[in-house]
Structures are given as structure tokens and as C-alpha cells.
Amino acid sequence: MKKIFSRILILALLLNTSVFFANSLDFGKTSMNQFLDNYYSKSYSFGKSIETKANNQNIIVSELLDKTNGIINGYVAVNKENNELLYFIDYKRESQEIKAIDFINNITDIISLKKDNKFEIFVEIDLIKEIEKVNISSASAMKFWGTSCGGGWTTPTGECYKTCCYYIFWMESGCDVVGC
């Protein structure tokens, strides 16, 4: 009887331990998973990923796919060492815009690409392949993420202007002339 009781006790402890580990895995979700679960109302999955180096960090960039049809909805970038969520882009197909979130600097930009079919051209680019090219050449003078502006110029009336371009994973997503 003692053997049966001790086996039941051991089995119960093992079951409780496995339940504990299963529950602890649920609490171990990364900030990326929590953000994506809240952001997408529909289910998503991950596509291709690539490791790269930018801003003195090892970064993993992954495609975000619509789970039902496999279409790329955007990309996410995390710090390889600590899984910190760094950057996120979402293709807003209805409005032909890209939502770009820089979690490092807490900046969200909405980039309109309606003009000249730029949205369709941009979303057809395989960003993973483009990052692969940058990894091979590693001599990219372009900015990894955010705005980069050229030198200013002055009109005859004294107004100052400069051209600023926005980059997402080294890809230019559009340029505007802005005042100095």
C-alpha cells in the first residue's frame, strides 16, 4: 500500500511540476510577442528571418505574415542578445501607408506612399534579401532607421530648405523637402 501511495504522490508532484513549467512558459512571453498579440487582431506568424548588425547591436529582423493567406504584413526587429523589441513596421494596405515604430526612441511615424504607386513598389521589395545584400557589402552609407537629411540651400528670397529621407532597414521609404 505504501508503494502505491508513494507512486501516486510522485506522479502528482510530477504533474504539478509540469503544470508549473507550462504556466511559467506563458509568463515568459517576450515584449515582442505581447506587442504583436495586442497589435494584430487577426493571427500572425513569422516568416523568414535574418541576423544583421546595426547601431552597434546584433539584430534579428523577421517577416510578419498574415496567418490565413501568408502575405507579408510587416517586419519586426529585436536585439539578439536580450530579445528587446527595437523596431516594427506594418503595411497599412488600405491607406497605402507604412506605420514605423522605433521603440528605442519611442517614435511612431506614418509614411504615406500613395503617390506614384510607391506603396506597391515598396511592399514588393523583399527586405530580408535587401538586408542580406547589406550584410555582404557592409559598406552602406545609408541610415539603418529614421530620418537622414542632406545639406540645406537658400532660395533668392532667403528661405532655407533641405531634403530629408526616411529609412527603414536601410531602404529609403521616401524623401521630402523641408524647411531648415
N, C-alpha and C. Protein backbone atom coordinates (compact mmCIF):
# COMPACT_ATOMS: atom_id res chain seq x y z
N MET A 1 0.82 -1.19 0.00
CA MET A 1 0.00 0.00 0.00
C MET A 1 0.87 1.26 0.00
N LYS A 2 1.99 1.19 0.78
CA LYS A 2 2.88 2.34 0.83
C LYS A 2 3.48 2.62 -0.54
N LYS A 3 3.81 1.55 -1.30
CA LYS A 3 4.39 1.73 -2.63
C LYS A 3 3.41 2.44 -3.56
N ILE A 4 2.15 2.02 -3.51
CA ILE A 4 1.13 2.64 -4.36
C ILE A 4 0.95 4.10 -3.97
N PHE A 5 0.86 4.36 -2.67
CA PHE A 5 0.69 5.73 -2.19
C PHE A 5 1.88 6.60 -2.61
N SER A 6 3.11 6.09 -2.48
CA SER A 6 4.30 6.88 -2.83
C SER A 6 4.36 7.11 -4.34
N ARG A 7 3.93 6.12 -5.13
CA ARG A 7 3.91 6.32 -6.59
C ARG A 7 2.87 7.37 -6.99
N ILE A 8 1.73 7.33 -6.34
CA ILE A 8 0.70 8.35 -6.61
C ILE A 8 1.20 9.72 -6.21
N LEU A 9 1.87 9.80 -5.07
CA LEU A 9 2.42 11.07 -4.61
C LEU A 9 3.48 11.60 -5.58
N ILE A 10 4.37 10.73 -6.04
CA ILE A 10 5.40 11.14 -7.01
C ILE A 10 4.76 11.58 -8.31
N LEU A 11 3.76 10.82 -8.78
CA LEU A 11 3.06 11.18 -10.01
C LEU A 11 2.37 12.53 -9.87
N ALA A 12 1.74 12.77 -8.75
CA ALA A 12 1.06 14.05 -8.51
C ALA A 12 2.07 15.19 -8.50
N LEU A 13 3.21 14.98 -7.88
CA LEU A 13 4.25 16.02 -7.85
C LEU A 13 4.78 16.31 -9.25
N LEU A 14 4.99 15.23 -10.02
CA LEU A 14 5.47 15.42 -11.39
C LEU A 14 4.45 16.18 -12.23
N LEU A 15 3.18 15.84 -12.09
CA LEU A 15 2.14 16.54 -12.85
C LEU A 15 2.08 18.01 -12.45
N ASN A 16 2.14 18.29 -11.15
CA ASN A 16 2.13 19.68 -10.70
C ASN A 16 3.35 20.43 -11.20
N THR A 17 4.50 19.77 -11.24
CA THR A 17 5.71 20.41 -11.74
C THR A 17 5.57 20.74 -13.21
N SER A 18 5.03 19.80 -14.01
CA SER A 18 4.88 20.07 -15.44
C SER A 18 3.86 21.18 -15.67
N VAL A 19 2.81 21.23 -14.85
CA VAL A 19 1.85 22.33 -14.97
C VAL A 19 2.53 23.64 -14.63
N PHE A 20 3.37 23.62 -13.59
CA PHE A 20 4.10 24.84 -13.21
C PHE A 20 4.98 25.32 -14.36
N PHE A 21 5.72 24.38 -14.98
CA PHE A 21 6.60 24.79 -16.08
C PHE A 21 5.80 25.28 -17.27
N ALA A 22 4.69 24.64 -17.56
CA ALA A 22 3.86 25.10 -18.68
C ALA A 22 3.33 26.50 -18.40
N ASN A 23 2.88 26.75 -17.17
CA ASN A 23 2.39 28.09 -16.84
C ASN A 23 3.51 29.12 -16.86
N SER A 24 4.70 28.72 -16.41
CA SER A 24 5.80 29.68 -16.38
C SER A 24 6.22 30.05 -17.79
N LEU A 25 6.06 29.15 -18.77
CA LEU A 25 6.37 29.49 -20.15
C LEU A 25 5.41 30.55 -20.66
N ASP A 26 4.16 30.48 -20.27
CA ASP A 26 3.20 31.50 -20.68
C ASP A 26 3.60 32.88 -20.15
N PHE A 27 4.12 32.93 -18.94
CA PHE A 27 4.52 34.21 -18.37
C PHE A 27 5.83 34.69 -18.97
N GLY A 28 6.54 33.81 -19.66
CA GLY A 28 7.83 34.17 -20.23
C GLY A 28 7.76 34.78 -21.61
N LYS A 29 6.58 35.20 -22.05
CA LYS A 29 6.46 35.82 -23.36
C LYS A 29 7.32 37.06 -23.44
N THR A 30 7.89 37.28 -24.61
CA THR A 30 8.74 38.45 -24.79
C THR A 30 7.87 39.68 -25.02
N SER A 31 8.47 40.84 -24.89
CA SER A 31 7.75 42.08 -25.16
C SER A 31 7.30 42.11 -26.62
N MET A 32 8.07 41.48 -27.52
CA MET A 32 7.68 41.43 -28.91
C MET A 32 6.37 40.66 -29.07
N ASN A 33 6.29 39.48 -28.47
CA ASN A 33 5.06 38.69 -28.57
C ASN A 33 3.87 39.43 -27.98
N GLN A 34 4.06 40.05 -26.84
CA GLN A 34 2.97 40.80 -26.20
C GLN A 34 2.51 41.94 -27.10
N PHE A 35 3.47 42.66 -27.68
CA PHE A 35 3.12 43.77 -28.56
C PHE A 35 2.35 43.26 -29.78
N LEU A 36 2.86 42.22 -30.44
CA LEU A 36 2.23 41.70 -31.65
C LEU A 36 0.85 41.11 -31.36
N ASP A 37 0.70 40.41 -30.23
CA ASP A 37 -0.60 39.86 -29.85
C ASP A 37 -1.63 40.98 -29.67
N ASN A 38 -1.21 42.10 -29.13
CA ASN A 38 -2.11 43.23 -28.93
C ASN A 38 -2.33 44.02 -30.22
N TYR A 39 -1.32 44.09 -31.07
CA TYR A 39 -1.42 44.92 -32.28
C TYR A 39 -2.31 44.28 -33.34
N TYR A 40 -2.08 42.99 -33.59
CA TYR A 40 -2.83 42.31 -34.65
C TYR A 40 -4.08 41.67 -34.08
N SER A 41 -5.23 42.06 -34.64
CA SER A 41 -6.48 41.44 -34.21
C SER A 41 -6.60 40.04 -34.81
N LYS A 42 -6.04 39.86 -36.00
CA LYS A 42 -6.02 38.54 -36.62
C LYS A 42 -4.72 37.86 -36.24
N SER A 43 -4.67 36.57 -36.43
CA SER A 43 -3.47 35.84 -36.07
C SER A 43 -2.36 36.13 -37.09
N TYR A 44 -1.15 36.03 -36.61
CA TYR A 44 0.03 36.28 -37.43
C TYR A 44 1.00 35.12 -37.25
N SER A 45 1.95 35.05 -38.14
CA SER A 45 3.03 34.08 -37.99
C SER A 45 4.32 34.74 -38.47
N PHE A 46 5.42 34.10 -38.18
CA PHE A 46 6.71 34.63 -38.60
C PHE A 46 7.15 33.95 -39.88
N GLY A 47 7.75 34.74 -40.75
CA GLY A 47 8.31 34.21 -41.99
C GLY A 47 9.81 34.11 -41.86
N LYS A 48 10.50 34.51 -42.92
CA LYS A 48 11.96 34.45 -42.93
C LYS A 48 12.54 35.43 -41.92
N SER A 49 13.73 35.11 -41.43
CA SER A 49 14.46 35.98 -40.52
C SER A 49 15.89 36.09 -40.97
N ILE A 50 16.54 37.18 -40.56
CA ILE A 50 17.95 37.37 -40.87
C ILE A 50 18.61 38.11 -39.71
N GLU A 51 19.84 37.77 -39.47
CA GLU A 51 20.62 38.49 -38.45
C GLU A 51 21.47 39.54 -39.15
N THR A 52 21.56 40.70 -38.55
CA THR A 52 22.36 41.78 -39.10
C THR A 52 22.95 42.58 -37.94
N LYS A 53 23.80 43.52 -38.28
CA LYS A 53 24.39 44.37 -37.25
C LYS A 53 24.12 45.82 -37.65
N ALA A 54 23.57 46.58 -36.72
CA ALA A 54 23.31 48.00 -36.95
C ALA A 54 23.34 48.72 -35.62
N ASN A 55 23.82 49.94 -35.65
CA ASN A 55 23.89 50.75 -34.43
C ASN A 55 24.58 50.01 -33.29
N ASN A 56 25.66 49.28 -33.63
CA ASN A 56 26.45 48.53 -32.66
C ASN A 56 25.65 47.46 -31.91
N GLN A 57 24.61 46.92 -32.56
CA GLN A 57 23.81 45.85 -31.97
C GLN A 57 23.66 44.72 -32.97
N ASN A 58 23.60 43.50 -32.46
CA ASN A 58 23.23 42.36 -33.30
C ASN A 58 21.71 42.29 -33.28
N ILE A 59 21.12 42.34 -34.46
CA ILE A 59 19.67 42.46 -34.60
C ILE A 59 19.14 41.31 -35.44
N ILE A 60 17.98 40.80 -35.06
CA ILE A 60 17.29 39.81 -35.87
C ILE A 60 16.03 40.47 -36.42
N VAL A 61 15.92 40.47 -37.74
CA VAL A 61 14.76 41.03 -38.43
C VAL A 61 13.94 39.87 -38.98
N SER A 62 12.63 39.89 -38.70
CA SER A 62 11.75 38.80 -39.13
C SER A 62 10.53 39.35 -39.85
N GLU A 63 10.10 38.60 -40.86
CA GLU A 63 8.86 38.92 -41.56
C GLU A 63 7.68 38.60 -40.65
N LEU A 64 6.63 39.40 -40.77
CA LEU A 64 5.36 39.12 -40.09
C LEU A 64 4.34 38.81 -41.17
N LEU A 65 3.77 37.62 -41.11
CA LEU A 65 2.83 37.17 -42.14
C LEU A 65 1.42 37.11 -41.60
N ASP A 66 0.46 37.37 -42.48
CA ASP A 66 -0.94 37.10 -42.16
C ASP A 66 -1.08 35.58 -42.16
N LYS A 67 -1.49 35.03 -41.04
CA LYS A 67 -1.52 33.57 -40.89
C LYS A 67 -2.49 32.89 -41.86
N THR A 68 -3.53 33.60 -42.29
CA THR A 68 -4.53 32.98 -43.16
C THR A 68 -4.08 32.91 -44.62
N ASN A 69 -3.36 33.94 -45.11
CA ASN A 69 -3.00 33.93 -46.53
C ASN A 69 -1.49 34.02 -46.80
N GLY A 70 -0.68 34.17 -45.78
CA GLY A 70 0.77 34.17 -45.94
C GLY A 70 1.36 35.45 -46.50
N ILE A 71 0.54 36.48 -46.64
CA ILE A 71 1.03 37.76 -47.16
C ILE A 71 1.83 38.48 -46.08
N ILE A 72 2.93 39.11 -46.50
CA ILE A 72 3.75 39.86 -45.54
C ILE A 72 2.98 41.10 -45.09
N ASN A 73 2.80 41.22 -43.78
CA ASN A 73 2.14 42.40 -43.20
C ASN A 73 3.14 43.41 -42.67
N GLY A 74 4.37 43.00 -42.47
CA GLY A 74 5.37 43.90 -41.95
C GLY A 74 6.59 43.15 -41.47
N TYR A 75 7.37 43.84 -40.65
CA TYR A 75 8.62 43.27 -40.14
C TYR A 75 8.81 43.72 -38.70
N VAL A 76 9.59 42.92 -37.97
CA VAL A 76 9.92 43.26 -36.60
C VAL A 76 11.41 43.02 -36.42
N ALA A 77 12.05 43.88 -35.61
CA ALA A 77 13.47 43.72 -35.32
C ALA A 77 13.67 43.68 -33.82
N VAL A 78 14.45 42.70 -33.36
CA VAL A 78 14.75 42.55 -31.94
C VAL A 78 16.26 42.47 -31.74
N ASN A 79 16.70 42.86 -30.56
CA ASN A 79 18.09 42.73 -30.16
C ASN A 79 18.35 41.25 -29.92
N LYS A 80 19.37 40.71 -30.58
CA LYS A 80 19.64 39.28 -30.48
C LYS A 80 20.02 38.86 -29.06
N GLU A 81 20.74 39.71 -28.35
CA GLU A 81 21.24 39.33 -27.03
C GLU A 81 20.14 39.23 -25.97
N ASN A 82 19.16 40.15 -26.01
CA ASN A 82 18.18 40.17 -24.93
C ASN A 82 16.72 40.14 -25.40
N ASN A 83 16.48 39.92 -26.69
CA ASN A 83 15.14 39.87 -27.29
C ASN A 83 14.35 41.17 -27.11
N GLU A 84 15.03 42.27 -26.84
CA GLU A 84 14.36 43.56 -26.71
C GLU A 84 13.77 43.98 -28.05
N LEU A 85 12.52 44.39 -28.06
CA LEU A 85 11.85 44.86 -29.26
C LEU A 85 12.42 46.22 -29.63
N LEU A 86 12.97 46.34 -30.85
CA LEU A 86 13.63 47.57 -31.28
C LEU A 86 12.81 48.35 -32.31
N TYR A 87 12.38 47.65 -33.37
CA TYR A 87 11.69 48.32 -34.48
C TYR A 87 10.55 47.44 -34.99
N PHE A 88 9.54 48.11 -35.55
CA PHE A 88 8.38 47.42 -36.10
C PHE A 88 7.86 48.21 -37.28
N ILE A 89 7.52 47.53 -38.36
CA ILE A 89 6.82 48.21 -39.46
C ILE A 89 5.60 47.38 -39.84
N ASP A 90 4.53 48.08 -40.16
CA ASP A 90 3.28 47.45 -40.55
C ASP A 90 2.84 48.05 -41.87
N TYR A 91 2.50 47.20 -42.82
CA TYR A 91 1.98 47.65 -44.11
C TYR A 91 0.49 47.91 -43.97
N LYS A 92 0.09 49.15 -44.06
CA LYS A 92 -1.32 49.52 -44.00
C LYS A 92 -1.83 49.59 -45.44
N ARG A 93 -2.23 48.44 -45.96
CA ARG A 93 -2.57 48.31 -47.37
C ARG A 93 -3.76 49.17 -47.79
N GLU A 94 -4.75 49.31 -46.91
CA GLU A 94 -5.95 50.09 -47.27
C GLU A 94 -5.60 51.55 -47.53
N SER A 95 -4.75 52.13 -46.71
CA SER A 95 -4.40 53.55 -46.84
C SER A 95 -3.09 53.78 -47.58
N GLN A 96 -2.43 52.71 -48.01
CA GLN A 96 -1.14 52.77 -48.69
C GLN A 96 -0.11 53.55 -47.87
N GLU A 97 -0.02 53.17 -46.61
CA GLU A 97 0.91 53.79 -45.68
C GLU A 97 1.72 52.71 -44.97
N ILE A 98 2.82 53.13 -44.41
CA ILE A 98 3.61 52.25 -43.57
C ILE A 98 3.66 52.87 -42.19
N LYS A 99 3.32 52.07 -41.19
CA LYS A 99 3.46 52.51 -39.81
C LYS A 99 4.80 52.01 -39.33
N ALA A 100 5.67 52.92 -38.92
CA ALA A 100 7.01 52.58 -38.47
C ALA A 100 7.17 52.99 -37.02
N ILE A 101 7.53 52.02 -36.17
CA ILE A 101 7.69 52.31 -34.74
C ILE A 101 9.14 52.04 -34.35
N ASP A 102 9.77 53.06 -33.81
CA ASP A 102 11.12 52.97 -33.26
C ASP A 102 10.96 52.90 -31.75
N PHE A 103 11.08 51.70 -31.17
CA PHE A 103 10.89 51.52 -29.74
C PHE A 103 12.05 52.07 -28.92
N ILE A 104 13.22 52.21 -29.53
CA ILE A 104 14.38 52.74 -28.82
C ILE A 104 14.15 54.20 -28.46
N ASN A 105 13.66 54.97 -29.44
CA ASN A 105 13.44 56.40 -29.23
C ASN A 105 11.98 56.74 -28.99
N ASN A 106 11.11 55.72 -28.91
CA ASN A 106 9.68 55.91 -28.68
C ASN A 106 9.06 56.85 -29.72
N ILE A 107 9.32 56.55 -31.00
CA ILE A 107 8.83 57.38 -32.10
C ILE A 107 7.99 56.51 -33.03
N THR A 108 6.80 57.00 -33.37
CA THR A 108 5.95 56.35 -34.35
C THR A 108 5.76 57.28 -35.53
N ASP A 109 6.00 56.77 -36.73
CA ASP A 109 5.82 57.55 -37.96
C ASP A 109 4.84 56.83 -38.87
N ILE A 110 3.99 57.59 -39.52
CA ILE A 110 3.11 57.07 -40.56
C ILE A 110 3.64 57.64 -41.87
N ILE A 111 4.08 56.76 -42.75
CA ILE A 111 4.70 57.19 -44.01
C ILE A 111 3.71 56.90 -45.13
N SER A 112 3.26 57.96 -45.79
CA SER A 112 2.31 57.82 -46.89
C SER A 112 3.09 57.53 -48.18
N LEU A 113 2.70 56.46 -48.86
CA LEU A 113 3.34 56.09 -50.12
C LEU A 113 2.32 56.00 -51.25
N LYS A 114 1.29 56.85 -51.19
CA LYS A 114 0.22 56.82 -52.19
C LYS A 114 0.70 57.32 -53.54
N LYS A 115 1.57 58.31 -53.53
CA LYS A 115 1.99 58.97 -54.76
C LYS A 115 2.84 58.04 -55.63
N ASP A 116 2.56 58.04 -56.92
CA ASP A 116 3.36 57.32 -57.93
C ASP A 116 3.48 55.83 -57.65
N ASN A 117 2.48 55.21 -57.08
CA ASN A 117 2.48 53.77 -56.83
C ASN A 117 3.63 53.30 -55.93
N LYS A 118 4.14 54.20 -55.11
CA LYS A 118 5.29 53.89 -54.26
C LYS A 118 4.98 52.79 -53.25
N PHE A 119 3.74 52.72 -52.77
CA PHE A 119 3.40 51.69 -51.78
C PHE A 119 3.59 50.30 -52.39
N GLU A 120 3.00 50.09 -53.55
CA GLU A 120 3.09 48.76 -54.19
C GLU A 120 4.54 48.40 -54.49
N ILE A 121 5.32 49.38 -54.91
CA ILE A 121 6.74 49.13 -55.20
C ILE A 121 7.47 48.76 -53.91
N PHE A 122 7.19 49.49 -52.82
CA PHE A 122 7.89 49.23 -51.56
C PHE A 122 7.54 47.87 -50.99
N VAL A 123 6.25 47.51 -50.96
CA VAL A 123 5.87 46.23 -50.34
C VAL A 123 6.30 45.03 -51.17
N GLU A 124 6.62 45.23 -52.43
CA GLU A 124 7.12 44.13 -53.26
C GLU A 124 8.60 43.84 -53.00
N ILE A 125 9.29 44.75 -52.33
CA ILE A 125 10.70 44.56 -52.02
C ILE A 125 10.82 43.50 -50.92
N ASP A 126 11.69 42.55 -51.12
CA ASP A 126 11.97 41.54 -50.11
C ASP A 126 13.03 42.13 -49.18
N LEU A 127 12.60 42.68 -48.05
CA LEU A 127 13.54 43.35 -47.15
C LEU A 127 14.58 42.40 -46.59
N ILE A 128 14.24 41.14 -46.43
CA ILE A 128 15.21 40.17 -45.94
C ILE A 128 16.36 40.04 -46.94
N LYS A 129 16.05 39.97 -48.24
CA LYS A 129 17.09 39.90 -49.27
C LYS A 129 17.91 41.19 -49.32
N GLU A 130 17.24 42.32 -49.12
CA GLU A 130 17.96 43.60 -49.13
C GLU A 130 18.93 43.69 -47.95
N ILE A 131 18.51 43.21 -46.80
CA ILE A 131 19.39 43.21 -45.62
C ILE A 131 20.55 42.25 -45.86
N GLU A 132 20.27 41.15 -46.54
CA GLU A 132 21.33 40.19 -46.88
C GLU A 132 22.39 40.86 -47.76
N LYS A 133 21.95 41.68 -48.71
CA LYS A 133 22.90 42.42 -49.57
C LYS A 133 23.76 43.36 -48.75
N VAL A 134 23.13 44.07 -47.80
CA VAL A 134 23.87 44.98 -46.94
C VAL A 134 24.87 44.21 -46.09
N ASN A 135 24.46 43.04 -45.59
CA ASN A 135 25.36 42.21 -44.79
C ASN A 135 26.59 41.80 -45.58
N ILE A 136 26.39 41.50 -46.87
CA ILE A 136 27.51 41.06 -47.72
C ILE A 136 28.44 42.23 -48.02
N SER A 137 27.86 43.38 -48.39
CA SER A 137 28.70 44.52 -48.76
C SER A 137 29.21 45.27 -47.54
N SER A 138 28.41 45.33 -46.52
CA SER A 138 28.68 46.01 -45.24
C SER A 138 29.23 47.42 -45.39
N ALA A 139 29.15 47.97 -46.58
CA ALA A 139 29.64 49.33 -46.80
C ALA A 139 28.48 50.24 -47.14
N SER A 140 27.48 50.25 -46.29
CA SER A 140 26.29 51.06 -46.54
C SER A 140 26.41 52.41 -45.83
N ALA A 141 26.35 53.45 -46.63
CA ALA A 141 26.41 54.80 -46.07
C ALA A 141 25.02 55.27 -45.64
N MET A 142 23.99 54.51 -46.01
CA MET A 142 22.63 54.90 -45.67
C MET A 142 22.36 54.64 -44.19
N LYS A 143 21.38 55.32 -43.70
CA LYS A 143 20.97 55.15 -42.30
C LYS A 143 20.17 53.86 -42.17
N PHE A 144 20.32 53.18 -41.04
CA PHE A 144 19.59 51.94 -40.80
C PHE A 144 18.11 52.21 -40.57
N TRP A 145 17.79 53.21 -39.75
CA TRP A 145 16.40 53.51 -39.41
C TRP A 145 16.29 54.99 -39.09
N GLY A 146 15.26 55.62 -39.59
CA GLY A 146 14.98 57.00 -39.23
C GLY A 146 15.29 57.99 -40.35
N THR A 147 15.32 59.27 -40.00
CA THR A 147 15.48 60.34 -40.96
C THR A 147 16.94 60.73 -41.13
N SER A 148 17.31 60.97 -42.37
CA SER A 148 18.64 61.47 -42.70
C SER A 148 18.45 62.63 -43.66
N CYS A 149 19.04 63.78 -43.32
CA CYS A 149 18.86 64.98 -44.12
C CYS A 149 20.17 65.41 -44.76
N GLY A 150 20.06 65.93 -45.96
CA GLY A 150 21.22 66.49 -46.66
C GLY A 150 21.43 67.94 -46.24
N GLY A 151 22.41 68.54 -46.87
CA GLY A 151 22.70 69.94 -46.57
C GLY A 151 21.58 70.86 -47.05
N GLY A 152 21.48 72.00 -46.44
CA GLY A 152 20.43 72.95 -46.79
C GLY A 152 20.85 73.87 -47.93
N TRP A 153 19.87 74.49 -48.55
CA TRP A 153 20.12 75.50 -49.57
C TRP A 153 19.16 76.65 -49.35
N THR A 154 19.56 77.81 -49.84
CA THR A 154 18.78 79.03 -49.63
C THR A 154 18.26 79.53 -50.96
N THR A 155 16.98 79.92 -50.97
CA THR A 155 16.37 80.49 -52.16
C THR A 155 16.76 81.96 -52.25
N PRO A 156 16.56 82.59 -53.42
CA PRO A 156 16.87 84.02 -53.54
C PRO A 156 16.11 84.91 -52.55
N THR A 157 14.97 84.41 -52.05
CA THR A 157 14.20 85.20 -51.08
C THR A 157 14.66 84.97 -49.65
N GLY A 158 15.70 84.11 -49.46
CA GLY A 158 16.26 83.90 -48.13
C GLY A 158 15.69 82.71 -47.37
N GLU A 159 14.79 81.94 -47.99
CA GLU A 159 14.24 80.79 -47.32
C GLU A 159 15.20 79.60 -47.44
N CYS A 160 15.32 78.82 -46.36
CA CYS A 160 16.24 77.69 -46.32
C CYS A 160 15.46 76.38 -46.42
N TYR A 161 15.95 75.46 -47.24
CA TYR A 161 15.33 74.15 -47.42
C TYR A 161 16.40 73.06 -47.42
N LYS A 162 15.97 71.84 -47.10
CA LYS A 162 16.85 70.68 -47.20
C LYS A 162 16.00 69.46 -47.54
N THR A 163 16.63 68.45 -48.09
CA THR A 163 15.93 67.21 -48.43
C THR A 163 16.21 66.18 -47.34
N CYS A 164 15.12 65.64 -46.80
CA CYS A 164 15.24 64.61 -45.75
C CYS A 164 14.57 63.33 -46.26
N CYS A 165 15.26 62.21 -46.05
CA CYS A 165 14.74 60.90 -46.45
C CYS A 165 14.57 60.03 -45.22
N TYR A 166 13.55 59.18 -45.25
CA TYR A 166 13.28 58.28 -44.14
C TYR A 166 13.71 56.88 -44.55
N TYR A 167 14.48 56.23 -43.67
CA TYR A 167 14.99 54.89 -43.95
C TYR A 167 14.40 53.88 -42.98
N ILE A 168 14.08 52.71 -43.52
CA ILE A 168 13.61 51.57 -42.75
C ILE A 168 14.46 50.38 -43.18
N PHE A 169 15.25 49.85 -42.27
CA PHE A 169 16.15 48.74 -42.57
C PHE A 169 16.99 49.04 -43.81
N TRP A 170 17.59 50.20 -43.86
CA TRP A 170 18.45 50.71 -44.92
C TRP A 170 17.71 51.02 -46.22
N MET A 171 16.42 50.84 -46.29
CA MET A 171 15.66 51.10 -47.50
C MET A 171 15.02 52.47 -47.41
N GLU A 172 15.24 53.30 -48.42
CA GLU A 172 14.61 54.62 -48.45
C GLU A 172 13.12 54.44 -48.70
N SER A 173 12.32 55.01 -47.82
CA SER A 173 10.87 54.88 -47.97
C SER A 173 10.22 56.17 -48.47
N GLY A 174 11.03 57.21 -48.67
CA GLY A 174 10.51 58.45 -49.21
C GLY A 174 11.32 59.63 -48.72
N CYS A 175 11.30 60.68 -49.54
CA CYS A 175 12.04 61.90 -49.21
C CYS A 175 11.11 63.09 -49.36
N ASP A 176 11.36 64.11 -48.57
CA ASP A 176 10.60 65.36 -48.62
C ASP A 176 11.54 66.53 -48.51
N VAL A 177 11.15 67.63 -49.12
CA VAL A 177 11.88 68.88 -48.93
C VAL A 177 11.22 69.59 -47.76
N VAL A 178 12.05 69.96 -46.77
CA VAL A 178 11.53 70.59 -45.56
C VAL A 178 12.31 71.88 -45.31
N GLY A 179 11.72 72.75 -44.52
CA GLY A 179 12.41 73.98 -44.13
C GLY A 179 13.52 73.69 -43.15
N CYS A 180 14.53 74.55 -43.18
CA CYS A 180 15.68 74.38 -42.25
C CYS A 180 15.31 74.83 -40.86
